[in-house]
């Protein structure tokens, strides 16, 4: 992410999300993560290639959990769940991939830095359906990010109105799922996030 010189906006899309991915990028997203764990290898590869087609290139596309699919499709990187593959093993096997990891506490983030991840996604930052009790909130996010030697995007209940506060805590940017679920809304949602992130900067 060193080549992105502004607060990062990542749109996360699932199966059937190729159009949303393209619209989100056109609206101002920097990266798209394809997250469709329910799909088999062949279906996931097809989806990633469809997303790349909608995006007009592979350099802003990451694949959740599957570095093999990311490499096969020519995607930029992979997002590894906390209980997933070791970033060091993935780096050794796929040295060309950008490696993101998902973490939920300070210990996990510090471990990710030691393991050589390029960045992390942490959350849930705020209340989100089904994860209300796990929401971190501003005070815990402050402790989570302070002095951390790793770029972190925050996810979970994040809205454009939160951009300034999260940027002040040291977040490198934000990631979101629900705002990009509908392709008819994805570009508008991305534009709202983009404006808020840039103004907060």
N, C-alpha and C. Protein backbone atom coordinates (compact mmCIF):
# COMPACT_ATOMS: atom_id res chain seq x y z
N UNK A 1 0.81 -1.21 0.00
CA UNK A 1 0.00 0.00 0.00
C UNK A 1 0.85 1.27 0.00
N UNK A 2 2.15 1.10 -0.06
CA UNK A 2 3.03 2.26 -0.02
C UNK A 2 2.84 3.17 -1.23
N UNK A 3 2.30 2.61 -2.31
CA UNK A 3 2.11 3.41 -3.51
C UNK A 3 0.81 4.22 -3.47
N UNK A 4 0.00 4.05 -2.43
CA UNK A 4 -1.24 4.80 -2.30
C UNK A 4 -0.97 5.97 -1.35
N UNK A 5 -0.98 7.18 -1.88
CA UNK A 5 -0.55 8.33 -1.09
C UNK A 5 -1.72 9.10 -0.48
N UNK A 6 -2.80 8.41 -0.18
CA UNK A 6 -3.96 9.03 0.45
C UNK A 6 -4.57 8.00 1.38
N UNK A 7 -5.49 8.39 2.27
CA UNK A 7 -6.16 7.40 3.11
C UNK A 7 -6.82 6.32 2.25
N UNK A 8 -6.62 5.08 2.63
CA UNK A 8 -7.05 3.95 1.80
C UNK A 8 -8.52 3.61 2.05
N UNK A 9 -9.23 3.41 0.96
CA UNK A 9 -10.60 2.89 1.02
C UNK A 9 -10.64 1.54 0.33
N UNK A 10 -11.02 0.50 1.08
CA UNK A 10 -11.15 -0.84 0.53
C UNK A 10 -12.62 -1.25 0.52
N UNK A 11 -13.10 -1.64 -0.64
CA UNK A 11 -14.44 -2.20 -0.77
C UNK A 11 -14.33 -3.72 -0.73
N UNK A 12 -15.16 -4.35 0.08
CA UNK A 12 -15.16 -5.81 0.18
C UNK A 12 -16.43 -6.33 -0.47
N UNK A 13 -16.26 -7.22 -1.45
CA UNK A 13 -17.41 -7.74 -2.18
C UNK A 13 -17.42 -9.27 -2.12
N UNK A 14 -18.62 -9.83 -2.25
CA UNK A 14 -18.77 -11.27 -2.20
C UNK A 14 -19.15 -11.84 -3.56
N UNK A 15 -19.67 -13.06 -3.54
CA UNK A 15 -20.12 -13.69 -4.77
C UNK A 15 -21.19 -12.81 -5.41
N UNK A 16 -21.09 -12.59 -6.69
CA UNK A 16 -22.03 -11.71 -7.37
C UNK A 16 -21.67 -10.25 -7.25
N UNK A 17 -20.50 -9.95 -6.68
CA UNK A 17 -20.14 -8.56 -6.42
C UNK A 17 -19.25 -7.90 -7.45
N UNK A 18 -19.11 -8.50 -8.63
CA UNK A 18 -18.19 -7.95 -9.62
C UNK A 18 -18.58 -6.54 -10.04
N UNK A 19 -19.86 -6.31 -10.32
CA UNK A 19 -20.29 -4.97 -10.73
C UNK A 19 -20.09 -3.96 -9.61
N UNK A 20 -20.37 -4.37 -8.40
CA UNK A 20 -20.15 -3.49 -7.25
C UNK A 20 -18.68 -3.11 -7.14
N UNK A 21 -17.81 -4.06 -7.41
CA UNK A 21 -16.37 -3.79 -7.34
C UNK A 21 -15.98 -2.70 -8.33
N UNK A 22 -16.43 -2.85 -9.56
CA UNK A 22 -16.12 -1.85 -10.57
C UNK A 22 -16.68 -0.49 -10.22
N UNK A 23 -17.91 -0.45 -9.73
CA UNK A 23 -18.53 0.82 -9.37
C UNK A 23 -17.82 1.46 -8.18
N UNK A 24 -17.42 0.65 -7.21
CA UNK A 24 -16.71 1.19 -6.05
C UNK A 24 -15.38 1.82 -6.45
N UNK A 25 -14.66 1.17 -7.33
CA UNK A 25 -13.40 1.74 -7.80
C UNK A 25 -13.62 3.03 -8.57
N UNK A 26 -14.65 3.05 -9.38
CA UNK A 26 -14.95 4.28 -10.13
C UNK A 26 -15.38 5.41 -9.19
N UNK A 27 -15.97 5.05 -8.06
CA UNK A 27 -16.40 6.06 -7.10
C UNK A 27 -15.30 6.58 -6.21
N UNK A 28 -14.16 5.89 -6.19
CA UNK A 28 -13.05 6.39 -5.38
C UNK A 28 -12.38 5.38 -4.46
N UNK A 29 -12.80 4.11 -4.51
CA UNK A 29 -12.11 3.09 -3.72
C UNK A 29 -10.71 2.86 -4.28
N UNK A 30 -9.80 2.51 -3.40
CA UNK A 30 -8.42 2.23 -3.82
C UNK A 30 -8.19 0.75 -4.08
N UNK A 31 -8.86 -0.09 -3.28
CA UNK A 31 -8.67 -1.53 -3.36
C UNK A 31 -10.02 -2.23 -3.25
N UNK A 32 -10.09 -3.42 -3.82
CA UNK A 32 -11.26 -4.28 -3.67
C UNK A 32 -10.79 -5.63 -3.16
N UNK A 33 -11.43 -6.11 -2.11
CA UNK A 33 -11.17 -7.45 -1.61
C UNK A 33 -12.34 -8.35 -2.01
N UNK A 34 -12.02 -9.46 -2.65
CA UNK A 34 -13.04 -10.45 -3.02
C UNK A 34 -13.11 -11.48 -1.90
N UNK A 35 -14.27 -11.52 -1.24
CA UNK A 35 -14.44 -12.40 -0.09
C UNK A 35 -15.66 -13.28 -0.32
N UNK A 36 -15.42 -14.50 -0.74
CA UNK A 36 -16.53 -15.42 -1.06
C UNK A 36 -16.10 -16.83 -0.65
N UNK A 37 -16.03 -17.05 0.64
CA UNK A 37 -15.50 -18.31 1.17
C UNK A 37 -16.37 -19.51 0.84
N UNK A 38 -17.62 -19.24 0.47
CA UNK A 38 -18.52 -20.34 0.16
C UNK A 38 -18.28 -20.94 -1.22
N UNK A 39 -17.49 -20.28 -2.02
CA UNK A 39 -17.26 -20.75 -3.39
C UNK A 39 -16.10 -21.73 -3.45
N UNK A 40 -16.22 -22.70 -4.34
CA UNK A 40 -15.11 -23.60 -4.62
C UNK A 40 -14.04 -22.90 -5.43
N UNK A 41 -12.94 -23.57 -5.64
CA UNK A 41 -11.79 -22.95 -6.30
C UNK A 41 -12.13 -22.45 -7.70
N UNK A 42 -12.79 -23.27 -8.48
CA UNK A 42 -13.10 -22.87 -9.86
C UNK A 42 -14.04 -21.67 -9.90
N UNK A 43 -15.06 -21.70 -9.05
CA UNK A 43 -16.02 -20.59 -9.02
C UNK A 43 -15.36 -19.31 -8.50
N UNK A 44 -14.49 -19.44 -7.51
CA UNK A 44 -13.81 -18.27 -6.96
C UNK A 44 -12.87 -17.66 -8.00
N UNK A 45 -12.15 -18.50 -8.70
CA UNK A 45 -11.25 -17.99 -9.74
C UNK A 45 -12.05 -17.25 -10.81
N UNK A 46 -13.19 -17.80 -11.18
CA UNK A 46 -14.03 -17.14 -12.17
C UNK A 46 -14.51 -15.79 -11.66
N UNK A 47 -14.92 -15.74 -10.39
CA UNK A 47 -15.37 -14.48 -9.80
C UNK A 47 -14.25 -13.45 -9.77
N UNK A 48 -13.07 -13.86 -9.35
CA UNK A 48 -11.95 -12.92 -9.28
C UNK A 48 -11.63 -12.37 -10.67
N UNK A 49 -11.67 -13.22 -11.66
CA UNK A 49 -11.40 -12.76 -13.03
C UNK A 49 -12.50 -11.81 -13.51
N UNK A 50 -13.73 -12.06 -13.09
CA UNK A 50 -14.82 -11.16 -13.44
C UNK A 50 -14.63 -9.80 -12.76
N UNK A 51 -14.22 -9.82 -11.50
CA UNK A 51 -13.95 -8.57 -10.78
C UNK A 51 -12.81 -7.80 -11.47
N UNK A 52 -11.77 -8.51 -11.84
CA UNK A 52 -10.65 -7.87 -12.53
C UNK A 52 -11.11 -7.24 -13.83
N UNK A 53 -11.99 -7.93 -14.54
CA UNK A 53 -12.54 -7.37 -15.77
C UNK A 53 -13.32 -6.09 -15.51
N UNK A 54 -14.15 -6.10 -14.48
CA UNK A 54 -14.93 -4.90 -14.13
C UNK A 54 -14.02 -3.77 -13.66
N UNK A 55 -12.91 -4.13 -13.01
CA UNK A 55 -11.99 -3.13 -12.48
C UNK A 55 -11.08 -2.55 -13.55
N UNK A 56 -10.99 -3.25 -14.68
CA UNK A 56 -10.09 -2.79 -15.74
C UNK A 56 -8.63 -3.13 -15.48
N UNK A 57 -8.39 -4.05 -14.57
CA UNK A 57 -7.03 -4.46 -14.25
C UNK A 57 -6.99 -5.14 -12.90
N UNK A 58 -5.86 -5.82 -12.63
CA UNK A 58 -5.75 -6.64 -11.42
C UNK A 58 -4.99 -5.97 -10.29
N UNK A 59 -4.44 -4.79 -10.54
CA UNK A 59 -3.51 -4.20 -9.59
C UNK A 59 -4.16 -3.66 -8.32
N UNK A 60 -5.49 -3.64 -8.27
CA UNK A 60 -6.17 -3.15 -7.06
C UNK A 60 -7.06 -4.22 -6.43
N UNK A 61 -6.85 -5.47 -6.82
CA UNK A 61 -7.72 -6.56 -6.37
C UNK A 61 -6.98 -7.50 -5.42
N UNK A 62 -7.62 -7.81 -4.28
CA UNK A 62 -7.11 -8.80 -3.34
C UNK A 62 -8.14 -9.91 -3.19
N UNK A 63 -7.67 -11.10 -2.85
CA UNK A 63 -8.53 -12.26 -2.67
C UNK A 63 -8.44 -12.73 -1.23
N UNK A 64 -9.57 -12.92 -0.59
CA UNK A 64 -9.59 -13.38 0.78
C UNK A 64 -9.21 -14.86 0.87
N UNK A 65 -8.27 -15.18 1.74
CA UNK A 65 -7.92 -16.56 2.15
C UNK A 65 -7.11 -17.36 1.15
N UNK A 66 -7.16 -17.03 -0.14
CA UNK A 66 -6.62 -17.92 -1.16
C UNK A 66 -5.48 -17.28 -1.97
N UNK A 67 -4.24 -17.36 -1.47
CA UNK A 67 -3.13 -16.81 -2.25
C UNK A 67 -2.92 -17.52 -3.58
N UNK A 68 -3.29 -18.80 -3.63
CA UNK A 68 -3.14 -19.53 -4.89
C UNK A 68 -4.05 -18.97 -5.97
N UNK A 69 -5.29 -18.65 -5.59
CA UNK A 69 -6.24 -18.07 -6.54
C UNK A 69 -5.79 -16.66 -6.92
N UNK A 70 -5.32 -15.89 -5.94
CA UNK A 70 -4.84 -14.54 -6.23
C UNK A 70 -3.71 -14.57 -7.24
N UNK A 71 -2.75 -15.47 -7.03
CA UNK A 71 -1.61 -15.56 -7.95
C UNK A 71 -2.05 -16.04 -9.32
N UNK A 72 -2.94 -17.01 -9.35
CA UNK A 72 -3.40 -17.56 -10.62
C UNK A 72 -4.14 -16.51 -11.44
N UNK A 73 -4.91 -15.68 -10.77
CA UNK A 73 -5.68 -14.64 -11.46
C UNK A 73 -4.85 -13.40 -11.76
N UNK A 74 -3.66 -13.31 -11.16
CA UNK A 74 -2.83 -12.13 -11.34
C UNK A 74 -3.23 -10.97 -10.45
N UNK A 75 -3.99 -11.26 -9.37
CA UNK A 75 -4.44 -10.21 -8.46
C UNK A 75 -3.25 -9.64 -7.69
N UNK A 76 -3.48 -8.47 -7.11
CA UNK A 76 -2.40 -7.80 -6.40
C UNK A 76 -2.02 -8.49 -5.10
N UNK A 77 -3.02 -9.04 -4.41
CA UNK A 77 -2.67 -9.57 -3.11
C UNK A 77 -3.71 -10.49 -2.52
N UNK A 78 -3.49 -10.82 -1.25
CA UNK A 78 -4.34 -11.75 -0.53
C UNK A 78 -4.63 -11.18 0.86
N UNK A 79 -5.82 -11.46 1.38
CA UNK A 79 -6.20 -11.08 2.74
C UNK A 79 -6.35 -12.36 3.55
N UNK A 80 -5.52 -12.52 4.58
CA UNK A 80 -5.48 -13.75 5.35
C UNK A 80 -6.27 -13.60 6.65
N UNK A 81 -7.25 -14.47 6.90
CA UNK A 81 -7.97 -14.44 8.18
C UNK A 81 -7.02 -14.75 9.34
N UNK A 82 -7.41 -14.35 10.54
CA UNK A 82 -6.54 -14.55 11.70
C UNK A 82 -6.26 -16.02 11.94
N UNK A 83 -7.22 -16.88 11.67
CA UNK A 83 -7.03 -18.32 11.87
C UNK A 83 -6.56 -19.01 10.60
N UNK A 84 -6.12 -18.23 9.63
CA UNK A 84 -5.73 -18.79 8.34
C UNK A 84 -4.24 -19.04 8.23
N UNK A 85 -3.74 -18.93 7.02
CA UNK A 85 -2.35 -19.23 6.71
C UNK A 85 -1.39 -18.24 7.38
N UNK A 86 -0.20 -18.71 7.66
CA UNK A 86 0.86 -17.88 8.24
C UNK A 86 1.40 -16.94 7.16
N UNK A 87 1.42 -15.63 7.43
CA UNK A 87 1.93 -14.69 6.42
C UNK A 87 3.34 -15.02 5.93
N UNK A 88 4.18 -15.57 6.81
CA UNK A 88 5.55 -15.91 6.40
C UNK A 88 5.56 -17.02 5.38
N UNK A 89 4.70 -18.01 5.56
CA UNK A 89 4.63 -19.11 4.59
C UNK A 89 4.10 -18.62 3.25
N UNK A 90 3.09 -17.74 3.32
CA UNK A 90 2.53 -17.18 2.09
C UNK A 90 3.57 -16.34 1.36
N UNK A 91 4.34 -15.55 2.11
CA UNK A 91 5.39 -14.73 1.51
C UNK A 91 6.42 -15.60 0.79
N UNK A 92 6.79 -16.71 1.43
CA UNK A 92 7.78 -17.60 0.83
C UNK A 92 7.26 -18.25 -0.45
N UNK A 93 5.99 -18.63 -0.44
CA UNK A 93 5.42 -19.33 -1.59
C UNK A 93 4.96 -18.38 -2.69
N UNK A 94 4.53 -17.16 -2.30
CA UNK A 94 3.99 -16.19 -3.27
C UNK A 94 4.63 -14.82 -3.02
N UNK A 95 5.91 -14.69 -3.33
CA UNK A 95 6.64 -13.45 -2.98
C UNK A 95 6.12 -12.20 -3.66
N UNK A 96 5.35 -12.35 -4.72
CA UNK A 96 4.87 -11.18 -5.43
C UNK A 96 3.58 -10.59 -4.90
N UNK A 97 2.94 -11.26 -3.94
CA UNK A 97 1.64 -10.80 -3.47
C UNK A 97 1.76 -9.79 -2.33
N UNK A 98 0.88 -8.79 -2.35
CA UNK A 98 0.66 -7.93 -1.19
C UNK A 98 -0.10 -8.77 -0.17
N UNK A 99 0.35 -8.75 1.09
CA UNK A 99 -0.26 -9.61 2.09
C UNK A 99 -0.91 -8.77 3.19
N UNK A 100 -2.24 -8.89 3.27
CA UNK A 100 -2.99 -8.29 4.35
C UNK A 100 -3.45 -9.37 5.30
N UNK A 101 -3.67 -9.00 6.56
CA UNK A 101 -4.17 -9.95 7.55
C UNK A 101 -5.33 -9.32 8.29
N UNK A 102 -6.20 -10.14 8.81
CA UNK A 102 -7.32 -9.67 9.63
C UNK A 102 -7.01 -9.96 11.10
N UNK A 103 -7.16 -8.94 11.95
CA UNK A 103 -6.86 -9.08 13.37
C UNK A 103 -7.91 -8.37 14.20
N UNK A 104 -7.97 -8.73 15.49
CA UNK A 104 -9.03 -8.21 16.35
C UNK A 104 -8.52 -7.64 17.66
N UNK A 105 -7.21 -7.71 17.91
CA UNK A 105 -6.67 -7.15 19.15
C UNK A 105 -5.22 -6.72 18.93
N UNK A 106 -4.68 -6.03 19.92
CA UNK A 106 -3.32 -5.51 19.82
C UNK A 106 -2.29 -6.62 19.66
N UNK A 107 -2.46 -7.69 20.41
CA UNK A 107 -1.52 -8.81 20.33
C UNK A 107 -1.47 -9.36 18.90
N UNK A 108 -2.63 -9.51 18.29
CA UNK A 108 -2.67 -10.03 16.93
C UNK A 108 -2.01 -9.09 15.94
N UNK A 109 -2.20 -7.80 16.13
CA UNK A 109 -1.59 -6.82 15.24
C UNK A 109 -0.07 -6.80 15.38
N UNK A 110 0.41 -6.88 16.61
CA UNK A 110 1.86 -6.91 16.83
C UNK A 110 2.46 -8.18 16.24
N UNK A 111 1.76 -9.28 16.37
CA UNK A 111 2.24 -10.53 15.79
C UNK A 111 2.28 -10.44 14.26
N UNK A 112 1.28 -9.79 13.68
CA UNK A 112 1.25 -9.63 12.22
C UNK A 112 2.43 -8.82 11.73
N UNK A 113 2.82 -7.80 12.50
CA UNK A 113 3.97 -6.99 12.11
C UNK A 113 5.24 -7.83 12.12
N UNK A 114 5.39 -8.65 13.14
CA UNK A 114 6.56 -9.52 13.24
C UNK A 114 6.58 -10.55 12.12
N UNK A 115 5.40 -11.01 11.75
CA UNK A 115 5.29 -12.04 10.71
C UNK A 115 5.44 -11.48 9.29
N UNK A 116 5.57 -10.17 9.18
CA UNK A 116 5.86 -9.57 7.89
C UNK A 116 4.67 -9.23 7.03
N UNK A 117 3.49 -9.11 7.62
CA UNK A 117 2.33 -8.67 6.84
C UNK A 117 2.55 -7.25 6.34
N UNK A 118 1.98 -6.93 5.19
CA UNK A 118 2.10 -5.59 4.64
C UNK A 118 1.14 -4.61 5.30
N UNK A 119 -0.01 -5.12 5.71
CA UNK A 119 -1.00 -4.30 6.40
C UNK A 119 -1.99 -5.21 7.11
N UNK A 120 -2.83 -4.61 7.94
CA UNK A 120 -3.86 -5.39 8.64
C UNK A 120 -5.20 -4.68 8.52
N UNK A 121 -6.25 -5.47 8.61
CA UNK A 121 -7.61 -4.95 8.78
C UNK A 121 -8.05 -5.34 10.18
N UNK A 122 -8.50 -4.37 10.97
CA UNK A 122 -8.90 -4.63 12.35
C UNK A 122 -10.35 -4.22 12.56
N UNK A 123 -11.04 -4.97 13.39
CA UNK A 123 -12.42 -4.64 13.69
C UNK A 123 -13.09 -5.74 14.50
N UNK A 124 -14.38 -5.61 14.73
CA UNK A 124 -15.24 -4.52 14.24
C UNK A 124 -15.02 -3.22 15.01
N UNK A 125 -14.86 -2.13 14.28
CA UNK A 125 -14.63 -0.83 14.91
C UNK A 125 -15.85 -0.38 15.70
N UNK A 126 -17.01 -0.53 15.08
CA UNK A 126 -18.27 -0.11 15.70
C UNK A 126 -19.28 -1.24 15.60
N UNK A 127 -20.46 -1.01 16.13
CA UNK A 127 -21.49 -2.06 16.10
C UNK A 127 -21.88 -2.38 14.66
N UNK A 128 -21.97 -3.66 14.40
CA UNK A 128 -22.38 -4.15 13.09
C UNK A 128 -23.25 -5.37 13.33
N UNK A 129 -24.24 -5.65 12.48
CA UNK A 129 -25.18 -6.75 12.74
C UNK A 129 -24.49 -8.07 13.08
N UNK A 130 -24.86 -8.62 14.22
CA UNK A 130 -24.31 -9.88 14.67
C UNK A 130 -23.02 -9.77 15.46
N UNK A 131 -22.44 -8.58 15.49
CA UNK A 131 -21.17 -8.39 16.20
C UNK A 131 -21.22 -7.21 17.16
N UNK A 132 -22.40 -6.90 17.62
CA UNK A 132 -22.57 -5.72 18.48
C UNK A 132 -21.68 -5.80 19.73
N UNK A 133 -21.61 -6.96 20.35
CA UNK A 133 -20.86 -7.09 21.59
C UNK A 133 -19.35 -7.00 21.38
N UNK A 134 -18.90 -7.20 20.15
CA UNK A 134 -17.46 -7.20 19.88
C UNK A 134 -16.96 -5.84 19.40
N UNK A 135 -17.85 -4.87 19.26
CA UNK A 135 -17.44 -3.56 18.75
C UNK A 135 -16.36 -2.96 19.65
N UNK A 136 -15.31 -2.43 19.04
CA UNK A 136 -14.17 -1.91 19.80
C UNK A 136 -14.43 -0.51 20.35
N UNK A 137 -14.95 0.39 19.52
CA UNK A 137 -15.20 1.76 19.97
C UNK A 137 -13.93 2.59 19.97
N UNK A 138 -14.10 3.90 20.06
CA UNK A 138 -12.99 4.84 19.89
C UNK A 138 -11.89 4.63 20.93
N UNK A 139 -12.23 4.48 22.20
CA UNK A 139 -11.21 4.36 23.25
C UNK A 139 -10.34 3.13 23.04
N UNK A 140 -10.95 2.01 22.73
CA UNK A 140 -10.16 0.78 22.53
C UNK A 140 -9.39 0.84 21.21
N UNK A 141 -9.94 1.49 20.21
CA UNK A 141 -9.22 1.64 18.95
C UNK A 141 -7.97 2.49 19.14
N UNK A 142 -8.06 3.51 19.97
CA UNK A 142 -6.91 4.35 20.26
C UNK A 142 -5.77 3.51 20.83
N UNK A 143 -6.07 2.67 21.81
CA UNK A 143 -5.06 1.80 22.41
C UNK A 143 -4.56 0.76 21.41
N UNK A 144 -5.45 0.32 20.55
CA UNK A 144 -5.11 -0.70 19.57
C UNK A 144 -4.07 -0.20 18.57
N UNK A 145 -4.19 1.07 18.16
CA UNK A 145 -3.37 1.59 17.06
C UNK A 145 -2.14 2.37 17.51
N UNK A 146 -2.11 2.82 18.73
CA UNK A 146 -1.05 3.74 19.15
C UNK A 146 0.34 3.12 19.01
N UNK A 147 1.19 3.78 18.20
CA UNK A 147 2.58 3.36 18.06
C UNK A 147 2.78 2.08 17.28
N UNK A 148 1.76 1.61 16.59
CA UNK A 148 1.85 0.32 15.89
C UNK A 148 2.65 0.48 14.59
N UNK A 149 3.66 -0.35 14.35
CA UNK A 149 4.48 -0.24 13.15
C UNK A 149 3.90 -0.99 11.95
N UNK A 150 2.61 -0.87 11.75
CA UNK A 150 1.94 -1.61 10.68
C UNK A 150 0.73 -0.81 10.23
N UNK A 151 0.55 -0.58 8.93
CA UNK A 151 -0.65 0.13 8.47
C UNK A 151 -1.90 -0.68 8.79
N UNK A 152 -2.92 -0.01 9.32
CA UNK A 152 -4.15 -0.70 9.70
C UNK A 152 -5.36 -0.01 9.09
N UNK A 153 -6.21 -0.80 8.44
CA UNK A 153 -7.52 -0.33 8.00
C UNK A 153 -8.55 -0.80 9.02
N UNK A 154 -9.53 0.03 9.28
CA UNK A 154 -10.58 -0.34 10.24
C UNK A 154 -11.85 -0.71 9.50
N UNK A 155 -12.52 -1.74 10.00
CA UNK A 155 -13.72 -2.28 9.37
C UNK A 155 -14.78 -2.52 10.43
N UNK A 156 -16.04 -2.51 10.01
CA UNK A 156 -17.12 -2.87 10.91
C UNK A 156 -17.92 -1.67 11.38
N UNK A 157 -19.05 -1.42 10.73
CA UNK A 157 -19.91 -0.32 11.12
C UNK A 157 -19.35 1.06 10.81
N UNK A 158 -18.33 1.12 9.99
CA UNK A 158 -17.68 2.40 9.68
C UNK A 158 -18.50 3.15 8.63
N UNK A 159 -18.69 4.45 8.85
CA UNK A 159 -19.40 5.31 7.91
C UNK A 159 -18.48 6.48 7.54
N UNK A 160 -18.82 7.22 6.49
CA UNK A 160 -18.01 8.40 6.15
C UNK A 160 -17.89 9.39 7.31
N UNK A 161 -18.91 9.47 8.15
CA UNK A 161 -18.87 10.40 9.28
C UNK A 161 -17.79 10.04 10.29
N UNK A 162 -17.32 8.79 10.26
CA UNK A 162 -16.29 8.35 11.20
C UNK A 162 -14.87 8.64 10.71
N UNK A 163 -14.73 9.08 9.46
CA UNK A 163 -13.41 9.16 8.83
C UNK A 163 -12.43 10.02 9.61
N UNK A 164 -12.86 11.20 10.03
CA UNK A 164 -11.95 12.12 10.73
C UNK A 164 -11.45 11.52 12.03
N UNK A 165 -12.37 10.95 12.82
CA UNK A 165 -11.99 10.39 14.11
C UNK A 165 -11.03 9.22 13.95
N UNK A 166 -11.29 8.36 12.98
CA UNK A 166 -10.44 7.19 12.78
C UNK A 166 -9.08 7.60 12.24
N UNK A 167 -9.05 8.58 11.36
CA UNK A 167 -7.77 9.08 10.86
C UNK A 167 -6.94 9.68 11.97
N UNK A 168 -7.58 10.38 12.89
CA UNK A 168 -6.86 10.99 14.02
C UNK A 168 -6.25 9.94 14.93
N UNK A 169 -6.83 8.75 14.97
CA UNK A 169 -6.30 7.67 15.78
C UNK A 169 -5.08 7.01 15.15
N UNK A 170 -4.86 7.30 13.87
CA UNK A 170 -3.73 6.70 13.19
C UNK A 170 -4.08 5.61 12.20
N UNK A 171 -5.38 5.40 11.94
CA UNK A 171 -5.78 4.40 10.94
C UNK A 171 -5.28 4.82 9.56
N UNK A 172 -4.82 3.86 8.79
CA UNK A 172 -4.36 4.12 7.42
C UNK A 172 -5.53 4.30 6.47
N UNK A 173 -6.70 3.84 6.89
CA UNK A 173 -7.89 3.95 6.07
C UNK A 173 -9.00 3.08 6.61
N UNK A 174 -9.99 2.81 5.77
CA UNK A 174 -11.14 2.01 6.20
C UNK A 174 -11.50 0.97 5.14
N UNK A 175 -12.19 -0.05 5.59
CA UNK A 175 -12.75 -1.07 4.71
C UNK A 175 -14.21 -1.23 5.05
N UNK A 176 -15.01 -1.61 4.07
CA UNK A 176 -16.45 -1.76 4.32
C UNK A 176 -17.04 -2.81 3.39
N UNK A 177 -18.12 -3.41 3.86
CA UNK A 177 -18.82 -4.44 3.09
C UNK A 177 -20.20 -3.97 2.66
N UNK A 178 -21.04 -3.65 3.64
CA UNK A 178 -22.45 -3.36 3.35
C UNK A 178 -22.67 -2.17 2.40
N UNK A 179 -21.88 -1.10 2.49
CA UNK A 179 -22.11 0.01 1.55
C UNK A 179 -21.90 -0.36 0.09
N UNK A 180 -21.22 -1.49 -0.15
CA UNK A 180 -20.90 -1.88 -1.52
C UNK A 180 -21.65 -3.14 -1.96
N UNK A 181 -22.67 -3.51 -1.20
CA UNK A 181 -23.42 -4.73 -1.51
C UNK A 181 -24.26 -4.59 -2.76
N UNK A 182 -24.76 -3.38 -3.01
CA UNK A 182 -25.62 -3.15 -4.17
C UNK A 182 -24.86 -2.32 -5.20
N UNK A 183 -24.69 -2.83 -6.42
CA UNK A 183 -23.93 -2.07 -7.42
C UNK A 183 -24.54 -0.71 -7.76
N UNK A 184 -25.84 -0.56 -7.54
CA UNK A 184 -26.48 0.73 -7.83
C UNK A 184 -26.04 1.81 -6.85
N UNK A 185 -25.60 1.38 -5.65
CA UNK A 185 -25.19 2.33 -4.61
C UNK A 185 -23.69 2.42 -4.43
N UNK A 186 -22.94 1.50 -5.03
CA UNK A 186 -21.52 1.36 -4.70
C UNK A 186 -20.69 2.59 -5.05
N UNK A 187 -20.93 3.18 -6.21
CA UNK A 187 -20.14 4.35 -6.61
C UNK A 187 -20.43 5.53 -5.70
N UNK A 188 -21.70 5.74 -5.37
CA UNK A 188 -22.08 6.84 -4.49
C UNK A 188 -21.49 6.65 -3.10
N UNK A 189 -21.55 5.42 -2.59
CA UNK A 189 -20.97 5.13 -1.27
C UNK A 189 -19.47 5.37 -1.27
N UNK A 190 -18.80 4.92 -2.32
CA UNK A 190 -17.35 5.11 -2.40
C UNK A 190 -17.01 6.59 -2.47
N UNK A 191 -17.77 7.35 -3.22
CA UNK A 191 -17.52 8.78 -3.34
C UNK A 191 -17.69 9.48 -2.00
N UNK A 192 -18.68 9.08 -1.21
CA UNK A 192 -18.89 9.69 0.10
C UNK A 192 -17.73 9.37 1.04
N UNK A 193 -17.29 8.12 1.04
CA UNK A 193 -16.13 7.75 1.84
C UNK A 193 -14.89 8.51 1.38
N UNK A 194 -14.71 8.58 0.05
CA UNK A 194 -13.52 9.22 -0.50
C UNK A 194 -13.44 10.68 -0.07
N UNK A 195 -14.54 11.37 -0.19
CA UNK A 195 -14.57 12.79 0.18
C UNK A 195 -14.25 12.95 1.67
N UNK A 196 -14.88 12.14 2.50
CA UNK A 196 -14.68 12.25 3.95
C UNK A 196 -13.24 11.92 4.33
N UNK A 197 -12.67 10.88 3.74
CA UNK A 197 -11.30 10.51 4.05
C UNK A 197 -10.31 11.58 3.62
N UNK A 198 -10.53 12.14 2.44
CA UNK A 198 -9.61 13.16 1.94
C UNK A 198 -9.71 14.45 2.76
N UNK A 199 -10.93 14.80 3.14
CA UNK A 199 -11.11 16.01 3.96
C UNK A 199 -10.50 15.81 5.35
N UNK A 200 -10.64 14.61 5.90
CA UNK A 200 -10.08 14.34 7.23
C UNK A 200 -8.56 14.37 7.21
N UNK A 201 -7.99 14.04 6.09
CA UNK A 201 -6.54 14.02 5.97
C UNK A 201 -5.96 15.39 6.25
